[in-house]
C-alpha cells in the first residue's frame, strides 16, 4: 500500500506453552470485503474478542482515502468468524438500536473486551495539542479534523449488545469524566 494499514489483515499464532513457535496463518480478512473500503482504504488498529456466542469478532476503523478526508466519515466496522485465525466475514458497522452508525467521538483504534459477559468497546485517541475548554468537548459531528486534534480527549467507550454490533447506550467520554 501507499501508506500503513491499507492492505488485508494477516495473523500469526503460537502455542501458549511455546511462544517461540510462531506460525503464519495467512490472510484472515480482506479489506475489500468491507463495502465501505473503496471510499476509506485504511483499516486502522484491529482488535479481536470472543463473544458470548463463542464466535470471534474483529473490530477495525475505516478512514482516510482521497474521496473523503473528513474525520466524521470514519466508522467502526465488525467482521465475525468461528475461529480467531480463520476467514472473517463482514458483519456491519457499530450502530445504535435504530440502525444509525455510531460516529460520536473519533471512531479510531478499537479496544474491545469481554468482561464476564459484558462486551465493552473503547475507541479514539488523545491529542495533547491546544486543549479546548470542557464545554467544547464531547461529540464532534460538526468539528473539522483540525478542531478535533486541538482537543486532548477524543476517546470514548460503549457497552455492546450480545449481537456485538449494537450499542446499549450513547458513547461515554473518557478523560476527563463529565
Protein backbone atom coordinates (compact mmCIF):
# COMPACT_ATOMS: atom_id res chain seq x y z
CA UNK A 1 0.00 0.00 0.00
CA UNK A 2 0.96 3.63 -0.32
CA UNK A 3 0.51 4.11 3.44
CA UNK A 4 0.21 1.94 6.53
CA UNK A 5 -2.99 -0.02 7.22
CA UNK A 6 -4.07 -0.28 3.58
CA UNK A 7 -3.82 -3.99 2.93
CA UNK A 8 -5.51 -7.17 4.13
CA UNK A 9 -5.21 -8.45 7.71
CA UNK A 10 -2.95 -11.44 8.32
CA UNK A 11 -2.39 -13.40 11.52
CA UNK A 12 0.44 -15.22 13.23
CA UNK A 13 -0.14 -17.62 16.12
CA UNK A 14 1.88 -19.63 18.63
CA UNK A 15 1.03 -22.25 21.24
CA UNK A 16 0.50 -20.67 24.65
CA UNK A 17 3.12 -23.01 26.15
CA UNK A 18 5.77 -22.21 23.47
CA UNK A 19 5.79 -18.60 22.32
CA UNK A 20 8.89 -19.29 20.20
CA UNK A 21 6.94 -21.47 17.75
CA UNK A 22 5.17 -18.84 15.62
CA UNK A 23 3.12 -19.87 12.59
CA UNK A 24 1.82 -17.71 9.73
CA UNK A 25 -1.95 -18.26 9.45
CA UNK A 26 -2.38 -16.24 6.24
CA UNK A 27 -4.97 -13.63 5.32
CA UNK A 28 -7.84 -13.67 7.80
CA UNK A 29 -9.75 -10.69 6.37
CA UNK A 30 -9.55 -8.94 3.03
CA UNK A 31 -10.00 -5.19 3.10
CA UNK A 32 -12.19 -5.41 0.01
CA UNK A 33 -14.80 -7.42 1.98
CA UNK A 34 -15.95 -4.20 3.65
CA UNK A 35 -18.48 -2.40 1.40
CA UNK A 36 -17.08 0.98 2.51
CA UNK A 37 -13.49 0.12 1.65
CA UNK A 38 -13.42 1.86 -1.74
CA UNK A 39 -14.02 5.26 -0.10
CA UNK A 40 -11.97 4.52 3.03
CA UNK A 41 -8.90 2.43 2.14
CA UNK A 42 -7.26 2.48 5.58
CA UNK A 43 -8.21 -0.13 8.19
CA UNK A 44 -6.64 1.01 11.46
CA UNK A 45 -5.60 -0.92 14.56
CA UNK A 46 -7.82 -4.00 14.70
CA UNK A 47 -8.82 -5.88 17.83
CA UNK A 48 -10.50 -9.27 18.25
CA UNK A 49 -12.69 -10.51 21.10
CA UNK A 50 -14.57 -13.73 21.77
CA UNK A 51 -18.30 -13.03 22.01
CA UNK A 52 -20.76 -14.67 24.37
CA UNK A 53 -21.84 -16.90 21.47
CA UNK A 54 -18.32 -18.39 21.20
CA UNK A 55 -17.56 -16.67 17.87
CA UNK A 56 -14.74 -14.18 17.33
CA UNK A 57 -15.37 -10.55 16.39
CA UNK A 58 -12.84 -8.37 14.57
CA UNK A 59 -13.21 -4.60 15.13
CA UNK A 60 -11.40 -2.06 12.95
CA UNK A 61 -11.65 1.58 11.94
CA UNK A 62 -12.18 2.63 8.36
CA UNK A 63 -10.74 6.01 7.49
CA UNK A 64 -8.79 8.06 5.01
CA UNK A 65 -8.97 7.97 1.28
CA UNK A 66 -8.97 10.55 -1.44
CA UNK A 67 -12.76 10.82 -1.70
CA UNK A 68 -13.47 11.51 1.97
CA UNK A 69 -10.91 13.32 4.12
CA UNK A 70 -13.34 14.26 6.88
CA UNK A 71 -12.82 12.58 10.25
CA UNK A 72 -16.61 12.47 10.62
CA UNK A 73 -16.75 9.83 7.88
CA UNK A 74 -14.65 7.42 9.96
CA UNK A 75 -16.62 4.40 11.10
CA UNK A 76 -16.05 1.29 13.20
CA UNK A 77 -16.64 -1.95 11.32
CA UNK A 78 -17.05 -5.51 12.58
CA UNK A 79 -16.30 -8.89 10.99
CA UNK A 80 -17.02 -12.31 12.51
CA UNK A 81 -15.54 -15.83 12.40
CA UNK A 82 -15.76 -19.11 14.30
CA UNK A 83 -12.00 -19.07 14.99
CA UNK A 84 -9.58 -16.20 15.70
CA UNK A 85 -7.31 -17.19 12.81
CA UNK A 86 -9.92 -18.24 10.27
CA UNK A 87 -11.60 -16.34 7.48
CA UNK A 88 -13.61 -13.45 8.91
CA UNK A 89 -16.78 -12.22 7.17
CA UNK A 90 -18.06 -8.64 7.22
CA UNK A 91 -20.87 -8.23 9.77
CA UNK A 92 -21.58 -4.49 9.67
CA UNK A 93 -20.82 -1.17 11.37
CA UNK A 94 -21.17 -0.36 15.05
CA UNK A 95 -24.61 1.20 15.31
CA UNK A 96 -27.43 2.42 17.50
CA UNK A 97 -30.61 0.41 18.02
CA UNK A 98 -32.32 2.30 15.18
CA UNK A 99 -29.55 1.30 12.74
CA UNK A 100 -27.77 4.68 12.69
CA UNK A 101 -24.00 4.24 12.51
CA UNK A 102 -22.17 5.48 15.61
CA UNK A 103 -19.95 8.48 14.81
CA UNK A 104 -19.67 10.07 18.25
CA UNK A 105 -16.12 10.97 19.21
CA UNK A 106 -13.31 9.72 16.98
CA UNK A 107 -14.05 6.20 15.67
CA UNK A 108 -10.42 5.09 15.72
CA UNK A 109 -8.21 2.36 17.22
CA UNK A 110 -10.73 0.00 18.85
CA UNK A 111 -10.03 -1.84 22.08
CA UNK A 112 -12.72 -4.41 22.87
CA UNK A 113 -13.06 -6.91 25.68
CA UNK A 114 -15.49 -9.33 27.24
CA UNK A 115 -15.83 -8.68 30.99
CA UNK A 116 -17.71 -11.75 32.28
CA UNK A 117 -20.31 -11.50 29.52
CA UNK A 118 -20.41 -7.71 29.22
CA UNK A 119 -18.77 -6.51 25.99
CA UNK A 120 -17.06 -3.10 26.05
CA UNK A 121 -15.67 -1.21 23.07
CA UNK A 122 -13.19 1.61 23.71
CA UNK A 123 -12.03 3.83 20.86
CA UNK A 124 -10.44 7.14 19.91
CA UNK A 125 -7.15 8.66 20.92
CA UNK A 126 -5.73 11.54 22.91
CA UNK A 127 -4.08 14.53 21.31
CA UNK A 128 -2.48 16.93 23.75
CA UNK A 129 -2.16 19.91 21.41
CA UNK A 130 -4.04 23.04 22.46
CA UNK A 131 -6.63 21.92 25.00
CA UNK A 132 -10.22 23.01 24.44
CA UNK A 133 -12.40 24.09 27.38
CA UNK A 134 -14.52 21.24 28.77
CA UNK A 135 -17.75 22.81 27.48
CA UNK A 136 -16.38 22.50 23.92
CA UNK A 137 -15.53 18.81 24.28
CA UNK A 138 -17.84 15.91 23.56
CA UNK A 139 -19.40 14.62 20.34
CA UNK A 140 -17.64 16.13 17.33
CA UNK A 141 -20.14 15.84 14.48
CA UNK A 142 -19.75 19.47 13.50
CA UNK A 143 -15.98 19.82 14.03
CA UNK A 144 -13.17 19.71 11.48
CA UNK A 145 -10.16 17.43 11.95
CA UNK A 146 -8.05 20.46 12.94
CA UNK A 147 -10.57 21.35 15.65
CA UNK A 148 -10.68 17.77 16.89
CA UNK A 149 -6.92 17.47 17.13
CA UNK A 150 -6.88 20.54 19.37
CA UNK A 151 -8.96 18.53 21.83
CA UNK A 152 -6.88 16.32 24.11
CA UNK A 153 -9.79 14.00 24.89
CA UNK A 154 -11.42 12.38 21.91
CA UNK A 155 -11.80 8.88 23.36
CA UNK A 156 -15.00 7.14 24.39
CA UNK A 157 -16.50 3.76 25.22
CA UNK A 158 -19.75 1.89 24.77
CA UNK A 159 -21.19 -1.36 26.00
CA UNK A 160 -22.38 -3.64 23.20
CA UNK A 161 -25.46 -5.82 22.97
CA UNK A 162 -24.98 -9.58 22.57
CA UNK A 163 -25.14 -9.12 18.78
CA UNK A 164 -21.67 -7.48 19.15
CA UNK A 165 -22.57 -4.57 16.87
CA UNK A 166 -25.39 -2.59 18.55
CA UNK A 167 -24.52 -0.18 21.35
CA UNK A 168 -26.50 -0.24 24.60
CA UNK A 169 -26.02 3.47 25.29
CA UNK A 170 -24.63 6.66 23.77
CA UNK A 171 -20.82 6.75 23.84
CA UNK A 172 -19.36 7.98 27.11
CA UNK A 173 -16.36 10.26 27.03
CA UNK A 174 -13.13 9.23 28.71
CA UNK A 175 -10.68 11.52 30.43
CA UNK A 176 -11.97 13.69 31.91
CA UNK A 177 -15.25 12.19 33.02
CA UNK A 178 -18.04 14.77 32.65
